[in-house]
Amino acid sequence: MGLEEGGPESSALIDGRLFHMNLLEPEKFNELNIVEVASKNTKIFKAAKEELGEVYTRAEIDRAENLCSILKKNKIAMEYLEGADFEVPEMAMIDGIPFRGKADIVKGKKIIDIKTTADIQNFYFSARKFGYDLQAALYLKLFEEAEEFIFLCIDKKTHDIGIYECSDEFLGG
């Protein structure tokens, strides 16, 4: 399968994207197509997907709204969003290779990336597994003014919130 083709998205990726969109791009989130069904395997959902393309179940939307509501009640987490810029694009040549990226949040000299997790206690290991260390190091090169990369995470089950500042060790330096 090529990069252009993509693949089926896991529910974890969908949940993460919806949470991200609800928090940082609520105007886009409010325009999403919602199908009131218990399962994506229903004829109604499949017909809506065929007609509208991108559609979500009520349960997916509710999960994203619930996580956003919880995060927004956390004063420390919200300080990272206040006065920040969201969805900031950047392009640069790094070692002769063109890169582009979009930072979730840029606040001063900090890049803050929003993540959902199924196990916040083991986020460090998940971050390594999913290459978040590479993402952080790359973004610090893309955004030359940035001095710090921070992950702002919420556990989908426990609703615990974690704020992780990337160390030089994590970044591979």
C-alpha atoms as a PDB file:
ATOM      1  CA  MET A   1       0.000   0.000   0.000  1.00  0.00           C
ATOM      2  CA  GLY A   2       1.434   3.405  -0.966  1.00  0.00           C
ATOM      3  CA  LEU A   3       1.389   6.620   0.965  1.00  0.00           C
ATOM      4  CA  GLU A   4      -1.255   8.030  -1.356  1.00  0.00           C
ATOM      5  CA  GLU A   5      -3.670   5.182  -0.669  1.00  0.00           C
ATOM      6  CA  GLY A   6      -3.678   5.298   3.109  1.00  0.00           C
ATOM      7  CA  GLY A   7      -5.424   2.570   5.017  1.00  0.00           C
ATOM      8  CA  PRO A   8      -8.320   1.971   7.325  1.00  0.00           C
ATOM      9  CA  GLU A   9      -8.141   4.204  10.362  1.00  0.00           C
ATOM     10  CA  SER A  10      -8.206   2.741  13.831  1.00  0.00           C
ATOM     11  CA  SER A  11     -10.728   4.019  16.335  1.00  0.00           C
ATOM     12  CA  ALA A  12      -7.778   5.393  18.363  1.00  0.00           C
ATOM     13  CA  LEU A  13      -6.668   7.554  15.437  1.00  0.00           C
ATOM     14  CA  ILE A  14     -10.219   8.738  14.806  1.00  0.00           C
ATOM     15  CA  ASP A  15     -10.726   9.570  18.489  1.00  0.00           C
ATOM     16  CA  GLY A  16      -7.441  11.465  18.591  1.00  0.00           C
ATOM     17  CA  ARG A  17      -8.218  13.448  15.451  1.00  0.00           C
ATOM     18  CA  LEU A  18     -11.711  14.370  16.662  1.00  0.00           C
ATOM     19  CA  PHE A  19     -10.404  15.453  20.078  1.00  0.00           C
ATOM     20  CA  HIS A  20      -7.711  17.521  18.375  1.00  0.00           C
ATOM     21  CA  MET A  21     -10.196  19.123  15.992  1.00  0.00           C
ATOM     22  CA  ASN A  22     -12.714  19.894  18.739  1.00  0.00           C
ATOM     23  CA  LEU A  23     -10.035  21.538  20.882  1.00  0.00           C
ATOM     24  CA  LEU A  24      -8.086  23.455  18.228  1.00  0.00           C
ATOM     25  CA  GLU A  25     -10.504  23.848  15.319  1.00  0.00           C
ATOM     26  CA  PRO A  26     -14.013  23.881  16.813  1.00  0.00           C
ATOM     27  CA  GLU A  27     -15.476  25.552  13.720  1.00  0.00           C
ATOM     28  CA  LYS A  28     -14.457  22.507  11.630  1.00  0.00           C
ATOM     29  CA  PHE A  29     -15.613  20.105  14.334  1.00  0.00           C
ATOM     30  CA  ASN A  30     -19.066  21.700  14.393  1.00  0.00           C
ATOM     31  CA  GLU A  31     -19.418  21.107  10.637  1.00  0.00           C
ATOM     32  CA  LEU A  32     -18.807  17.335  10.796  1.00  0.00           C
ATOM     33  CA  ASN A  33     -21.421  14.902   9.515  1.00  0.00           C
ATOM     34  CA  ILE A  34     -22.870  12.841  12.355  1.00  0.00           C
ATOM     35  CA  VAL A  35     -24.898   9.673  11.929  1.00  0.00           C
ATOM     36  CA  GLU A  36     -27.108   8.602  14.822  1.00  0.00           C
ATOM     37  CA  VAL A  37     -26.369   4.872  14.780  1.00  0.00           C
ATOM     38  CA  ALA A  38     -25.077   2.345  17.291  1.00  0.00           C
ATOM     39  CA  SER A  39     -22.592   0.817  14.842  1.00  0.00           C
ATOM     40  CA  LYS A  40     -20.674   1.678  11.702  1.00  0.00           C
ATOM     41  CA  ASN A  41     -21.823  -1.664  10.305  1.00  0.00           C
ATOM     42  CA  THR A  42     -25.383  -0.444   9.801  1.00  0.00           C
ATOM     43  CA  LYS A  43     -26.892   0.252   6.399  1.00  0.00           C
ATOM     44  CA  ILE A  44     -27.664   3.805   7.499  1.00  0.00           C
ATOM     45  CA  PHE A  45     -24.030   4.549   8.357  1.00  0.00           C
ATOM     46  CA  LYS A  46     -22.728   2.966   5.156  1.00  0.00           C
ATOM     47  CA  ALA A  47     -25.252   4.905   3.057  1.00  0.00           C
ATOM     48  CA  ALA A  48     -24.332   8.174   4.790  1.00  0.00           C
ATOM     49  CA  LYS A  49     -20.632   7.485   4.218  1.00  0.00           C
ATOM     50  CA  GLU A  50     -21.258   6.790   0.559  1.00  0.00           C
ATOM     51  CA  GLU A  51     -23.300   9.974   0.176  1.00  0.00           C
ATOM     52  CA  LEU A  52     -21.316  12.351   2.382  1.00  0.00           C
ATOM     53  CA  GLY A  53     -17.829  10.854   2.502  1.00  0.00           C
ATOM     54  CA  GLU A  54     -16.554  11.677   5.957  1.00  0.00           C
ATOM     55  CA  VAL A  55     -19.070  10.742   8.664  1.00  0.00           C
ATOM     56  CA  TYR A  56     -18.870   9.944  12.365  1.00  0.00           C
ATOM     57  CA  THR A  57     -21.075   8.227  14.888  1.00  0.00           C
ATOM     58  CA  ARG A  58     -22.642  10.090  17.789  1.00  0.00           C
ATOM     59  CA  ALA A  59     -20.469   8.038  20.173  1.00  0.00           C
ATOM     60  CA  GLU A  60     -17.262   9.228  18.467  1.00  0.00           C
ATOM     61  CA  ILE A  61     -18.376  12.858  18.664  1.00  0.00           C
ATOM     62  CA  ASP A  62     -19.469  12.497  22.292  1.00  0.00           C
ATOM     63  CA  ARG A  63     -16.091  11.008  23.295  1.00  0.00           C
ATOM     64  CA  ALA A  64     -14.238  13.946  21.728  1.00  0.00           C
ATOM     65  CA  GLU A  65     -16.525  16.492  23.373  1.00  0.00           C
ATOM     66  CA  ASN A  66     -16.167  14.801  26.752  1.00  0.00           C
ATOM     67  CA  LEU A  67     -12.347  14.768  26.601  1.00  0.00           C
ATOM     68  CA  CYS A  68     -12.260  18.424  25.535  1.00  0.00           C
ATOM     69  CA  SER A  69     -14.581  19.390  28.344  1.00  0.00           C
ATOM     70  CA  ILE A  70     -12.332  17.638  30.862  1.00  0.00           C
ATOM     71  CA  LEU A  71      -9.157  19.222  29.483  1.00  0.00           C
ATOM     72  CA  LYS A  72     -10.718  22.694  29.447  1.00  0.00           C
ATOM     73  CA  LYS A  73     -11.443  22.398  33.181  1.00  0.00           C
ATOM     74  CA  ASN A  74      -7.738  21.917  33.902  1.00  0.00           C
ATOM     75  CA  LYS A  75      -6.243  25.344  34.605  1.00  0.00           C
ATOM     76  CA  ILE A  76      -2.626  24.289  34.073  1.00  0.00           C
ATOM     77  CA  ALA A  77      -3.372  22.613  30.741  1.00  0.00           C
ATOM     78  CA  MET A  78      -5.353  25.621  29.547  1.00  0.00           C
ATOM     79  CA  GLU A  79      -2.451  27.975  30.306  1.00  0.00           C
ATOM     80  CA  TYR A  80      -0.607  26.282  27.428  1.00  0.00           C
ATOM     81  CA  LEU A  81      -3.415  27.239  25.049  1.00  0.00           C
ATOM     82  CA  GLU A  82      -4.084  30.803  26.199  1.00  0.00           C
ATOM     83  CA  GLY A  83      -2.601  33.353  23.806  1.00  0.00           C
ATOM     84  CA  ALA A  84      -1.159  30.617  21.582  1.00  0.00           C
ATOM     85  CA  ASP A  85      -1.384  30.057  17.851  1.00  0.00           C
ATOM     86  CA  PHE A  86      -3.010  26.839  16.618  1.00  0.00           C
ATOM     87  CA  GLU A  87      -2.294  24.703  13.570  1.00  0.00           C
ATOM     88  CA  VAL A  88       0.884  26.577  12.565  1.00  0.00           C
ATOM     89  CA  PRO A  89       2.417  25.284   9.306  1.00  0.00           C
ATOM     90  CA  GLU A  90       6.128  25.343   8.527  1.00  0.00           C
ATOM     91  CA  MET A  91       8.396  24.117   5.738  1.00  0.00           C
ATOM     92  CA  ALA A  92      12.168  23.857   5.701  1.00  0.00           C
ATOM     93  CA  MET A  93      15.089  22.049   4.173  1.00  0.00           C
ATOM     94  CA  ILE A  94      16.821  19.830   6.729  1.00  0.00           C
ATOM     95  CA  ASP A  95      20.050  18.226   5.589  1.00  0.00           C
ATOM     96  CA  GLY A  96      19.002  18.798   1.986  1.00  0.00           C
ATOM     97  CA  ILE A  97      15.619  17.128   2.406  1.00  0.00           C
ATOM     98  CA  PRO A  98      12.365  19.136   2.235  1.00  0.00           C
ATOM     99  CA  PHE A  99      10.109  18.769   5.275  1.00  0.00           C
ATOM    100  CA  ARG A 100       6.789  20.254   6.200  1.00  0.00           C
ATOM    101  CA  GLY A 101       4.777  20.037   9.350  1.00  0.00           C
ATOM    102  CA  LYS A 102       1.976  21.670  11.246  1.00  0.00           C
ATOM    103  CA  ALA A 103       2.436  22.353  14.943  1.00  0.00           C
ATOM    104  CA  ASP A 104      -0.707  21.904  16.995  1.00  0.00           C
ATOM    105  CA  ILE A 105       0.158  24.823  19.256  1.00  0.00           C
ATOM    106  CA  VAL A 106       2.924  27.415  19.199  1.00  0.00           C
ATOM    107  CA  LYS A 107       3.261  29.620  22.240  1.00  0.00           C
ATOM    108  CA  GLY A 108       6.328  31.795  22.355  1.00  0.00           C
ATOM    109  CA  LYS A 109       9.307  29.489  21.993  1.00  0.00           C
ATOM    110  CA  LYS A 110       7.290  26.361  22.804  1.00  0.00           C
ATOM    111  CA  ILE A 111       5.676  23.836  20.522  1.00  0.00           C
ATOM    112  CA  ILE A 112       2.876  21.938  22.232  1.00  0.00           C
ATOM    113  CA  ASP A 113       1.493  18.765  20.712  1.00  0.00           C
ATOM    114  CA  ILE A 114      -1.897  17.394  21.759  1.00  0.00           C
ATOM    115  CA  LYS A 115      -2.155  13.644  22.273  1.00  0.00           C
ATOM    116  CA  THR A 116      -4.736  11.179  23.529  1.00  0.00           C
ATOM    117  CA  THR A 117      -3.552   7.954  25.105  1.00  0.00           C
ATOM    118  CA  ALA A 118      -5.019   4.730  26.396  1.00  0.00           C
ATOM    119  CA  ASP A 119      -2.438   4.520  29.208  1.00  0.00           C
ATOM    120  CA  ILE A 120      -0.922   7.756  30.458  1.00  0.00           C
ATOM    121  CA  GLN A 121       1.258   5.861  32.950  1.00  0.00           C
ATOM    122  CA  ASN A 122       3.156   4.369  30.013  1.00  0.00           C
ATOM    123  CA  PHE A 123       3.058   7.392  27.707  1.00  0.00           C
ATOM    124  CA  TYR A 124       6.863   7.597  27.571  1.00  0.00           C
ATOM    125  CA  PHE A 125       7.026   4.079  26.123  1.00  0.00           C
ATOM    126  CA  SER A 126       4.161   4.750  23.706  1.00  0.00           C
ATOM    127  CA  ALA A 127       5.901   7.941  22.616  1.00  0.00           C
ATOM    128  CA  ARG A 128       9.003   5.927  21.748  1.00  0.00           C
ATOM    129  CA  LYS A 129       6.951   3.208  20.047  1.00  0.00           C
ATOM    130  CA  PHE A 130       5.062   5.662  17.829  1.00  0.00           C
ATOM    131  CA  GLY A 131       8.087   7.838  17.003  1.00  0.00           C
ATOM    132  CA  TYR A 132       7.009  10.920  18.938  1.00  0.00           C
ATOM    133  CA  ASP A 133      10.678  11.502  19.796  1.00  0.00           C
ATOM    134  CA  LEU A 134      11.422  11.837  16.080  1.00  0.00           C
ATOM    135  CA  GLN A 135       8.406  14.129  15.626  1.00  0.00           C
ATOM    136  CA  ALA A 136       9.567  16.398  18.450  1.00  0.00           C
ATOM    137  CA  ALA A 137      13.172  16.566  17.203  1.00  0.00           C
ATOM    138  CA  LEU A 138      12.029  17.282  13.650  1.00  0.00           C
ATOM    139  CA  TYR A 139       9.621  20.028  14.716  1.00  0.00           C
ATOM    140  CA  LEU A 140      12.333  21.711  16.769  1.00  0.00           C
ATOM    141  CA  LYS A 141      14.379  21.894  13.561  1.00  0.00           C
ATOM    142  CA  LEU A 142      11.422  22.993  11.414  1.00  0.00           C
ATOM    143  CA  PHE A 143      10.450  25.757  13.817  1.00  0.00           C
ATOM    144  CA  GLU A 144      13.845  27.388  14.307  1.00  0.00           C
ATOM    145  CA  GLU A 145      12.607  29.833  16.961  1.00  0.00           C
ATOM    146  CA  ALA A 146      11.300  26.994  19.129  1.00  0.00           C
ATOM    147  CA  GLU A 147      13.371  25.956  22.127  1.00  0.00           C
ATOM    148  CA  GLU A 148      11.028  23.479  23.770  1.00  0.00           C
ATOM    149  CA  PHE A 149       8.665  20.695  22.697  1.00  0.00           C
ATOM    150  CA  ILE A 150       5.877  19.646  25.055  1.00  0.00           C
ATOM    151  CA  PHE A 151       3.285  16.890  24.838  1.00  0.00           C
ATOM    152  CA  LEU A 152      -0.085  17.721  26.398  1.00  0.00           C
ATOM    153  CA  CYS A 153      -1.848  14.379  26.861  1.00  0.00           C
ATOM    154  CA  ILE A 154      -5.136  13.113  28.155  1.00  0.00           C
ATOM    155  CA  ASP A 155      -5.882   9.522  29.070  1.00  0.00           C
ATOM    156  CA  LYS A 156      -9.053   8.384  27.311  1.00  0.00           C
ATOM    157  CA  LYS A 157      -9.998   6.012  30.129  1.00  0.00           C
ATOM    158  CA  THR A 158      -8.929   7.686  33.383  1.00  0.00           C
ATOM    159  CA  HIS A 159      -9.105  11.283  32.090  1.00  0.00           C
ATOM    160  CA  ASP A 160      -5.748  11.991  33.752  1.00  0.00           C
ATOM    161  CA  ILE A 161      -3.790  14.773  32.097  1.00  0.00           C
ATOM    162  CA  GLY A 162      -0.056  14.692  31.554  1.00  0.00           C
ATOM    163  CA  ILE A 163       2.271  17.479  30.496  1.00  0.00           C
ATOM    164  CA  TYR A 164       5.606  16.169  29.255  1.00  0.00           C
ATOM    165  CA  GLU A 165       8.519  18.438  28.410  1.00  0.00           C
ATOM    166  CA  CYS A 166      10.896  16.634  26.051  1.00  0.00           C
ATOM    167  CA  SER A 167      14.371  16.158  27.469  1.00  0.00           C
ATOM    168  CA  ASP A 168      17.557  16.099  25.412  1.00  0.00           C
ATOM    169  CA  GLU A 169      17.737  12.362  26.155  1.00  0.00           C
ATOM    170  CA  PHE A 170      14.225  11.817  24.723  1.00  0.00           C
ATOM    171  CA  LEU A 171      15.090  13.919  21.674  1.00  0.00           C
ATOM    172  CA  GLY A 172      18.177  11.805  21.041  1.00  0.00           C
ATOM    173  CA  GLY A 173      20.636  14.561  21.851  1.00  0.00           C
END
